[in-house]
Protein backbone atom coordinates (compact mmCIF):
# COMPACT_ATOMS: atom_id res chain seq x y z
CA MET A 1 -33.86 -40.81 26.05
CA THR A 2 -34.43 -44.25 27.55
CA ILE A 3 -35.78 -46.68 24.98
CA ALA A 4 -37.07 -50.17 25.76
CA LEU A 5 -36.23 -52.58 22.99
CA GLY A 6 -37.70 -56.03 22.42
CA ALA A 7 -38.01 -58.67 19.74
CA ASP A 8 -38.82 -62.28 19.16
CA HIS A 9 -36.62 -64.55 17.07
CA GLY A 10 -37.94 -62.97 13.84
CA GLY A 11 -36.65 -59.56 14.85
CA TYR A 12 -33.62 -60.59 16.88
CA LEU A 13 -30.89 -59.61 14.40
CA LEU A 14 -32.49 -56.28 13.52
CA LYS A 15 -32.99 -55.55 17.23
CA ARG A 16 -29.26 -56.02 17.85
CA ASP A 17 -28.46 -53.64 15.00
CA LEU A 18 -30.94 -51.01 16.19
CA GLY A 19 -29.77 -51.31 19.80
CA ARG A 20 -26.20 -50.52 18.77
CA ALA A 21 -27.33 -47.60 16.58
CA LEU A 22 -29.49 -46.16 19.38
CA ALA A 23 -26.64 -46.42 21.88
CA ARG A 24 -24.26 -44.69 19.42
CA ALA A 25 -26.83 -41.91 19.09
CA GLY A 26 -26.68 -41.38 22.87
CA HIS A 27 -29.86 -43.14 23.94
CA ARG A 28 -30.05 -45.42 26.96
CA VAL A 29 -31.23 -48.77 25.62
CA ARG A 30 -33.04 -51.28 27.82
CA ASP A 31 -32.83 -54.53 25.87
CA LEU A 32 -35.71 -56.62 27.20
CA GLY A 33 -35.08 -59.64 25.00
CA THR A 34 -34.99 -61.99 23.36
CA HIS A 35 -31.27 -62.45 23.79
CA ARG A 36 -30.86 -65.38 21.40
CA PRO A 37 -32.06 -66.22 17.89
CA GLY A 38 -33.95 -69.40 18.80
CA PRO A 39 -37.74 -69.66 18.56
CA CYS A 40 -39.67 -67.83 21.28
CA ASP A 41 -43.10 -66.34 21.94
CA TYR A 42 -43.52 -62.68 20.97
CA PRO A 43 -46.20 -61.71 23.54
CA ARG A 44 -43.65 -62.00 26.37
CA TYR A 45 -41.40 -59.35 24.81
CA ALA A 46 -44.27 -57.12 23.73
CA GLU A 47 -45.51 -57.07 27.30
CA ARG A 48 -42.07 -56.32 28.76
CA VAL A 49 -41.55 -53.31 26.49
CA ALA A 50 -45.13 -52.06 26.83
CA VAL A 51 -45.00 -52.26 30.63
CA ALA A 52 -41.67 -50.41 30.70
CA VAL A 53 -43.26 -47.58 28.69
CA SER A 54 -46.55 -47.64 30.60
CA ARG A 55 -44.79 -47.44 33.96
CA GLY A 56 -42.37 -44.72 32.86
CA ARG A 57 -39.24 -46.89 32.96
CA ALA A 58 -38.69 -45.98 29.32
CA ALA A 59 -39.81 -42.91 27.40
CA ARG A 60 -40.48 -44.97 24.30
CA GLY A 61 -40.42 -48.56 23.15
CA ILE A 62 -39.46 -50.36 19.97
CA LEU A 63 -40.63 -53.88 19.14
CA LEU A 64 -39.67 -56.16 16.27
CA CYS A 65 -41.01 -59.42 14.90
CA LYS A 66 -41.38 -60.76 11.38
CA SER A 67 -44.50 -58.74 10.47
CA GLY A 68 -44.93 -56.47 13.50
CA VAL A 69 -48.62 -57.26 13.75
CA GLY A 70 -48.59 -59.66 16.70
CA MET A 71 -46.27 -57.41 18.69
CA ALA A 72 -48.55 -54.41 18.12
CA ILE A 73 -51.66 -56.31 19.15
CA ALA A 74 -50.03 -57.54 22.35
CA ALA A 75 -48.44 -54.19 23.25
CA ASN A 76 -51.70 -52.31 22.78
CA LYS A 77 -53.30 -54.42 25.52
CA VAL A 78 -51.22 -52.58 28.13
CA PRO A 79 -52.96 -49.41 29.36
CA GLY A 80 -51.28 -46.22 28.23
CA VAL A 81 -49.54 -47.78 25.25
CA ARG A 82 -50.13 -46.55 21.72
CA ALA A 83 -48.21 -48.94 19.48
CA ALA A 84 -48.18 -48.75 15.69
CA VAL A 85 -46.70 -50.94 12.99
CA VAL A 86 -44.65 -48.65 10.78
CA SER A 87 -42.92 -49.42 7.49
CA THR A 88 -42.33 -45.98 5.95
CA LEU A 89 -40.83 -42.67 7.00
CA ALA A 90 -44.14 -40.89 6.32
CA VAL A 91 -46.08 -43.23 8.60
CA ALA A 92 -43.39 -42.95 11.30
CA LYS A 93 -43.83 -39.17 11.24
CA LYS A 94 -47.64 -39.25 11.19
CA SER A 95 -47.82 -41.85 13.96
CA ARG A 96 -45.98 -39.42 16.24
CA GLU A 97 -47.58 -36.17 15.04
CA HIS A 98 -51.16 -37.40 14.97
CA ASN A 99 -51.30 -40.33 17.38
CA ASP A 100 -48.53 -39.62 19.90
CA THR A 101 -47.37 -43.23 19.59
CA ASN A 102 -45.03 -44.34 22.33
CA VAL A 103 -44.18 -47.79 20.94
CA LEU A 104 -42.86 -48.29 17.43
CA VAL A 105 -43.35 -51.75 15.93
CA LEU A 106 -41.31 -52.90 12.96
CA GLY A 107 -41.73 -55.91 10.72
CA ALA A 108 -38.20 -57.20 10.32
CA VAL A 109 -38.77 -59.17 7.11
CA ALA A 110 -39.85 -56.08 5.18
CA LEU A 111 -37.04 -53.74 6.24
CA THR A 112 -33.33 -53.46 5.67
CA PRO A 113 -31.27 -52.35 8.67
CA VAL A 114 -30.64 -48.97 7.00
CA ARG A 115 -34.35 -48.42 6.35
CA ALA A 116 -35.25 -49.49 9.90
CA ARG A 117 -32.68 -47.06 11.37
CA ARG A 118 -34.13 -44.22 9.29
CA ILE A 119 -37.66 -45.03 10.43
CA VAL A 120 -36.51 -45.10 14.08
CA GLU A 121 -34.62 -41.81 13.71
CA THR A 122 -37.67 -40.14 12.14
CA TRP A 123 -40.01 -41.53 14.78
CA LEU A 124 -37.80 -40.44 17.67
CA ALA A 125 -37.27 -36.95 16.25
CA THR A 126 -40.92 -36.20 15.51
CA PRO A 127 -42.90 -34.39 18.21
CA PHE A 128 -46.61 -34.81 18.87
CA ALA A 129 -48.50 -32.05 17.04
CA GLY A 130 -51.17 -31.55 19.72
CA GLY A 131 -54.17 -29.42 18.72
CA ARG A 132 -57.01 -31.42 17.23
CA HIS A 133 -54.84 -34.52 17.49
CA ALA A 134 -54.67 -34.15 21.29
CA ARG A 135 -58.46 -34.30 21.38
CA ARG A 136 -58.38 -37.53 19.39
CA VAL A 137 -55.71 -39.12 21.56
CA GLN A 138 -57.81 -38.16 24.59
CA GLN A 139 -60.77 -39.94 22.98
CA ILE A 140 -58.62 -43.04 22.56
CA GLN A 141 -57.67 -42.82 26.23
CA GLN A 142 -61.36 -42.56 27.16
CA ILE A 143 -62.10 -45.75 25.21
CA GLU A 144 -59.24 -47.43 27.04
CA THR A 145 -60.65 -46.31 30.38
CA ARG A 146 -64.11 -47.64 29.52
CA TYR A 147 -63.01 -51.06 28.36
CA CYS A 148 -59.71 -51.89 30.04
CA HIS A 149 -59.65 -53.18 33.57
CA ARG A 150 -57.06 -51.11 35.39
CA ARG A 151 -54.75 -53.51 37.09
CA SER A 152 -51.04 -53.50 37.53
CA PRO A 153 -49.40 -55.19 34.55
CA SER A 154 -46.88 -57.87 35.49
CA SER A 155 -43.20 -57.01 35.22
C-alpha cells in the first residue's frame, strides 16, 4: 500500500521512525516532509498528505504534530479526506470500521514510538465495516458537497 507521510517539527522524529517501520512492513512510503527538525508550519504538510490521498497518489495518509489537532483540521479541508486524531488502538479500529478514515493523525507528544507503531498497524489492518456506517459516511460526503467549493487542491 502507498502511504503518504507528513509531519511538522513536533512530529519529525516519530515520522522518521514510522516511515522506517512502514517500509520494513512492505509499504511504499511517500515522505512529504518536513525533512528536518527545525520549526515549520504544519498546514503545508497536512495539505501535501491530504492532496496525495484525495488525488489517489496514496491509498492512505499519516500526519504527525505535537497534538495532532492542527494537522487534522487542515487535512479535513481537502475534499475526500476523512482525517482523525487517534491515540488508542480502540479508536484506530473504530475510525476505520465506522468512519472509513483515510488519514490517520497522531499527536507525537502523547505517544511512544512503540505505541504509535501499534496504532498505525491496527489502523492499516482494519477494514471499513460498511452497512449502516456506509450510509453515515455518505451523509458526511453530502455535507462536504454542499459546503466545499470543488476546486483542484494545489500540489
